[in-house]
């Protein structure tokens, strides 16, 4: 038998349950958006402060005060000042790599020689950017002695190495890299070499031409990646000519802008 009261109860339940779901969902979405905005604001304020004032001259309190937020929010989203700096550094390396991809039309890389040429050009451009943009160079110098930086740098190197090993031309890579111990030791040594090279440059203690020092480092780096060392040496010469035309600068928000002269 039809019961009108049961229908009423059902309609009340349906209406209020959906209203509650909407309000809660909207609140959660609002919290998500606010949280994402706060996280991004922390990132950009930290980047600007690290680059313009210096990593050592910036405290998390400076960042929280500038944004008028609780200090605990920075720790919540990024864990520590060191971790925030490493993320910013990693993003700069990604910006350089993406810019080189656009400038070099990396999608048309269709041979081992061209792959090596592109990879070396990207890494060489990385050195060029940190050398030619004083603020970036100072940022590197500030954080390279921070505990955990070498491990962070190793992780970045492993990422690009793995792209090579497991990419289209992985079969042409150094077979020794399949040994986990060799893989780990090589990346530890190469990360240490890069840090010492950059520190020598920024401390004014580099006694040889920087470009020559970078070429020597890159030759050793890619000797451990690819079995065809002749292709590595050829790519180094080609890359140096092209990277010499790169112009790098920071905009007002400290984003890296890369173009060809």
Protein backbone atom coordinates (compact mmCIF):
# COMPACT_ATOMS: atom_id res chain seq x y z
CA UNK A 1 0.00 0.00 0.00
CA UNK A 2 1.19 3.47 -0.86
CA UNK A 3 2.42 5.36 2.21
CA UNK A 4 2.76 9.10 1.76
CA UNK A 5 4.76 9.54 4.98
CA UNK A 6 7.37 7.06 3.80
CA UNK A 7 7.72 9.03 0.60
CA UNK A 8 8.13 12.22 2.59
CA UNK A 9 10.85 10.68 4.76
CA UNK A 10 12.61 9.44 1.68
CA UNK A 11 12.50 12.86 0.02
CA UNK A 12 13.76 14.56 3.19
CA UNK A 13 16.60 12.09 3.49
CA UNK A 14 17.48 12.40 -0.19
CA UNK A 15 17.50 16.21 -0.10
CA UNK A 16 19.47 16.67 3.12
CA UNK A 17 21.99 13.92 2.41
CA UNK A 18 22.78 15.46 -0.97
CA UNK A 19 22.95 18.94 0.54
CA UNK A 20 25.36 17.69 3.19
CA UNK A 21 27.45 15.90 0.58
CA UNK A 22 27.60 19.07 -1.51
CA UNK A 23 28.62 21.27 1.41
CA UNK A 24 31.28 18.86 2.64
CA UNK A 25 32.58 18.28 -0.85
CA UNK A 26 32.72 21.98 -1.54
CA UNK A 27 34.56 22.55 1.70
CA UNK A 28 37.07 19.86 0.90
CA UNK A 29 37.62 21.31 -2.55
CA UNK A 30 38.05 24.75 -1.06
CA UNK A 31 40.57 23.43 1.44
CA UNK A 32 42.42 21.64 -1.34
CA UNK A 33 42.60 24.78 -3.46
CA UNK A 34 43.68 26.89 -0.51
CA UNK A 35 46.30 24.32 0.45
CA UNK A 36 47.69 24.15 -3.07
CA UNK A 37 47.80 27.93 -3.27
CA UNK A 38 49.62 28.14 0.05
CA UNK A 39 52.12 25.49 -1.01
CA UNK A 40 52.83 27.31 -4.28
CA UNK A 41 53.15 30.67 -2.52
CA UNK A 42 55.70 29.20 -0.12
CA UNK A 43 57.67 27.79 -3.04
CA UNK A 44 57.81 31.03 -5.00
CA UNK A 45 58.54 33.21 -1.98
CA UNK A 46 61.35 30.85 -0.93
CA UNK A 47 62.80 30.77 -4.44
CA UNK A 48 62.80 34.55 -4.68
CA UNK A 49 64.37 34.93 -1.26
CA UNK A 50 67.01 32.20 -1.78
CA UNK A 51 68.03 33.72 -5.11
CA UNK A 52 67.95 37.41 -4.20
CA UNK A 53 68.98 37.35 -0.54
CA UNK A 54 70.89 34.10 -0.46
CA UNK A 55 70.10 30.72 1.04
CA UNK A 56 72.13 31.35 4.18
CA UNK A 57 70.54 34.77 4.74
CA UNK A 58 66.99 33.42 4.50
CA UNK A 59 65.14 31.77 7.35
CA UNK A 60 61.83 29.95 7.27
CA UNK A 61 60.54 32.68 9.56
CA UNK A 62 61.36 35.25 6.85
CA UNK A 63 59.26 33.27 4.39
CA UNK A 64 56.32 32.75 6.74
CA UNK A 65 56.32 36.42 7.76
CA UNK A 66 56.40 37.55 4.12
CA UNK A 67 53.35 35.39 3.39
CA UNK A 68 51.66 36.03 6.75
CA UNK A 69 51.25 32.30 7.41
CA UNK A 70 52.14 29.96 10.25
CA UNK A 71 55.72 28.70 10.24
CA UNK A 72 54.43 25.16 10.74
CA UNK A 73 52.80 25.25 7.28
CA UNK A 74 56.21 25.39 5.61
CA UNK A 75 57.33 22.32 7.52
CA UNK A 76 54.02 20.63 6.72
CA UNK A 77 54.37 21.12 2.96
CA UNK A 78 58.15 20.88 2.53
CA UNK A 79 59.61 19.28 5.63
CA UNK A 80 62.60 21.56 6.01
CA UNK A 81 64.45 24.52 4.57
CA UNK A 82 67.00 22.16 3.03
CA UNK A 83 64.39 20.06 1.30
CA UNK A 84 62.67 23.18 -0.07
CA UNK A 85 65.99 24.39 -1.50
CA UNK A 86 66.70 21.00 -3.09
CA UNK A 87 63.28 21.00 -4.76
CA UNK A 88 63.93 24.47 -6.17
CA UNK A 89 67.34 23.39 -7.42
CA UNK A 90 65.90 20.30 -9.07
CA UNK A 91 63.23 22.41 -10.77
CA UNK A 92 65.91 24.68 -12.21
CA UNK A 93 67.67 21.65 -13.71
CA UNK A 94 64.35 20.54 -15.21
CA UNK A 95 63.75 24.02 -16.65
CA UNK A 96 67.13 23.87 -18.38
CA UNK A 97 66.46 20.41 -19.78
CA UNK A 98 63.00 21.40 -21.06
CA UNK A 99 64.37 24.56 -22.65
CA UNK A 100 67.06 22.57 -24.46
CA UNK A 101 64.42 20.10 -25.66
CA UNK A 102 62.52 22.98 -27.26
CA UNK A 103 65.58 24.65 -28.73
CA UNK A 104 67.05 21.41 -30.09
CA UNK A 105 63.78 19.81 -31.24
CA UNK A 106 64.59 16.66 -29.24
CA UNK A 107 61.65 14.74 -30.73
CA UNK A 108 63.65 14.40 -33.95
CA UNK A 109 66.56 12.69 -32.20
CA UNK A 110 66.67 9.45 -34.20
CA UNK A 111 70.16 8.03 -33.79
CA UNK A 112 72.60 7.17 -31.02
CA UNK A 113 74.93 9.99 -32.08
CA UNK A 114 72.13 12.54 -31.96
CA UNK A 115 70.98 11.21 -28.60
CA UNK A 116 74.47 11.66 -27.13
CA UNK A 117 74.69 15.11 -28.72
CA UNK A 118 71.39 16.18 -27.18
CA UNK A 119 72.23 14.78 -23.74
CA UNK A 120 75.64 16.43 -23.62
CA UNK A 121 74.22 19.73 -24.87
CA UNK A 122 71.62 19.68 -22.10
CA UNK A 123 74.19 18.99 -19.38
CA UNK A 124 76.62 21.53 -20.82
CA UNK A 125 73.84 24.14 -20.89
CA UNK A 126 73.24 23.38 -17.20
CA UNK A 127 76.82 24.35 -16.38
CA UNK A 128 76.58 27.41 -18.63
CA UNK A 129 73.41 28.66 -16.92
CA UNK A 130 74.83 28.36 -13.41
CA UNK A 131 78.01 30.06 -14.59
CA UNK A 132 76.46 32.92 -16.56
CA UNK A 133 73.66 33.83 -14.12
CA UNK A 134 75.42 35.05 -10.95
CA UNK A 135 72.37 34.55 -8.71
CA UNK A 136 72.07 30.92 -9.77
CA UNK A 137 75.76 30.37 -9.23
CA UNK A 138 75.53 31.79 -5.72
CA UNK A 139 72.51 29.58 -4.99
CA UNK A 140 74.47 26.49 -6.05
CA UNK A 141 77.45 27.59 -3.96
CA UNK A 142 75.17 28.16 -0.96
CA UNK A 143 73.49 24.76 -1.00
CA UNK A 144 76.20 22.43 -2.33
CA UNK A 145 77.69 22.09 1.16
CA UNK A 146 74.32 21.52 2.84
CA UNK A 147 73.84 18.04 4.23
CA UNK A 148 71.88 15.95 1.78
CA UNK A 149 72.74 17.93 -1.34
CA UNK A 150 75.10 15.35 -2.77
CA UNK A 151 72.43 12.66 -2.38
CA UNK A 152 69.88 14.92 -4.05
CA UNK A 153 72.30 15.54 -6.92
CA UNK A 154 72.94 11.80 -7.24
CA UNK A 155 69.19 11.20 -7.53
CA UNK A 156 68.97 13.73 -10.36
CA UNK A 157 71.91 12.09 -12.14
CA UNK A 158 70.35 8.64 -11.72
CA UNK A 159 67.11 9.90 -13.21
CA UNK A 160 68.83 11.02 -16.40
CA UNK A 161 71.03 7.93 -16.48
CA UNK A 162 67.99 5.67 -16.20
CA UNK A 163 66.33 7.53 -19.07
CA UNK A 164 69.36 6.59 -21.14
CA UNK A 165 69.64 3.00 -19.91
CA UNK A 166 66.00 2.17 -20.40
CA UNK A 167 65.42 4.34 -23.45
CA UNK A 168 65.64 3.53 -27.13
CA UNK A 169 69.44 3.43 -27.13
CA UNK A 170 69.92 1.58 -23.85
CA UNK A 171 71.56 -1.33 -25.68
CA UNK A 172 74.44 0.98 -26.61
CA UNK A 173 75.12 2.04 -23.03
CA UNK A 174 77.99 0.84 -20.87
CA UNK A 175 77.14 -2.76 -19.84
CA UNK A 176 78.93 -2.25 -16.52
CA UNK A 177 76.06 -0.02 -15.41
CA UNK A 178 73.91 -3.13 -14.96
CA UNK A 179 76.06 -3.92 -11.90
CA UNK A 180 74.29 -2.18 -8.94
CA UNK A 181 77.55 -1.57 -7.08
CA UNK A 182 79.24 -0.03 -10.11
CA UNK A 183 76.12 2.05 -10.80
CA UNK A 184 76.10 3.45 -7.25
CA UNK A 185 79.85 4.10 -7.04
CA UNK A 186 79.97 5.87 -10.40
CA UNK A 187 77.16 8.24 -9.48
CA UNK A 188 78.76 8.97 -6.11
CA UNK A 189 82.06 9.83 -7.82
CA UNK A 190 80.45 11.91 -10.56
CA UNK A 191 78.32 13.89 -8.11
CA UNK A 192 81.43 14.63 -6.07
CA UNK A 193 83.31 15.73 -9.20
CA UNK A 194 80.55 18.12 -10.23
CA UNK A 195 80.30 19.68 -6.78
CA UNK A 196 84.06 20.23 -6.54
CA UNK A 197 84.16 21.69 -10.05
CA UNK A 198 81.38 24.15 -9.30
CA UNK A 199 82.78 25.07 -5.89
CA UNK A 200 86.17 25.79 -7.46
CA UNK A 201 84.49 28.07 -10.00
CA UNK A 202 82.43 30.03 -7.49
CA UNK A 203 85.29 30.26 -4.97
CA UNK A 204 87.57 31.64 -7.67
CA UNK A 205 89.97 28.72 -7.22
CA UNK A 206 89.58 27.13 -10.64
CA UNK A 207 93.05 27.36 -12.19
CA UNK A 208 92.09 26.24 -15.68
CA UNK A 209 89.56 27.49 -18.23
CA UNK A 210 86.03 26.65 -17.06
CA UNK A 211 84.85 25.43 -20.46
CA UNK A 212 87.84 23.12 -20.70
CA UNK A 213 87.17 21.82 -17.18
CA UNK A 214 83.50 21.16 -18.05
CA UNK A 215 84.49 19.38 -21.27
CA UNK A 216 86.86 17.14 -19.32
CA UNK A 217 84.20 16.37 -16.72
CA UNK A 218 81.55 15.63 -19.36
CA UNK A 219 83.95 13.37 -21.25
CA UNK A 220 84.45 11.31 -18.09
CA UNK A 221 80.73 11.36 -17.26
CA UNK A 222 79.61 10.08 -20.66
CA UNK A 223 82.51 7.64 -20.91
CA UNK A 224 80.73 5.74 -18.15
CA UNK A 225 77.36 5.93 -19.91
CA UNK A 226 78.13 4.99 -23.48
CA UNK A 227 80.48 2.43 -24.93
CA UNK A 228 81.08 4.56 -28.05
CA UNK A 229 83.54 7.13 -26.67
CA UNK A 230 84.30 8.43 -30.16
CA UNK A 231 80.68 9.55 -30.47
CA UNK A 232 81.00 11.26 -27.07
CA UNK A 233 84.04 13.30 -28.17
CA UNK A 234 82.34 14.31 -31.42
CA UNK A 235 79.22 15.39 -29.53
CA UNK A 236 81.29 17.46 -27.09
CA UNK A 237 82.70 19.56 -29.94
CA UNK A 238 79.28 20.09 -31.51
CA UNK A 239 77.65 20.91 -28.19
CA UNK A 240 80.22 23.51 -27.25
CA UNK A 241 79.48 25.49 -30.43
CA UNK A 242 75.74 25.51 -29.83
CA UNK A 243 75.77 26.07 -26.07
CA UNK A 244 77.99 29.11 -26.64
CA UNK A 245 74.96 30.74 -28.28
CA UNK A 246 72.67 30.22 -25.28
CA UNK A 247 71.48 33.23 -23.31
CA UNK A 248 70.21 32.59 -19.78
CA UNK A 249 68.60 35.09 -17.43
CA UNK A 250 66.16 35.30 -14.55
CA UNK A 251 62.91 37.23 -14.71
CA UNK A 252 61.47 39.25 -11.81
CA UNK A 253 59.97 36.12 -10.26
CA UNK A 254 63.30 34.27 -10.56
CA UNK A 255 62.07 31.93 -13.27
CA UNK A 256 64.86 30.91 -15.63
CA UNK A 257 64.53 32.14 -19.23
CA UNK A 258 66.73 30.46 -21.85
CA UNK A 259 67.02 31.56 -25.47
CA UNK A 260 69.48 31.51 -28.35
CA UNK A 261 71.42 34.66 -29.17
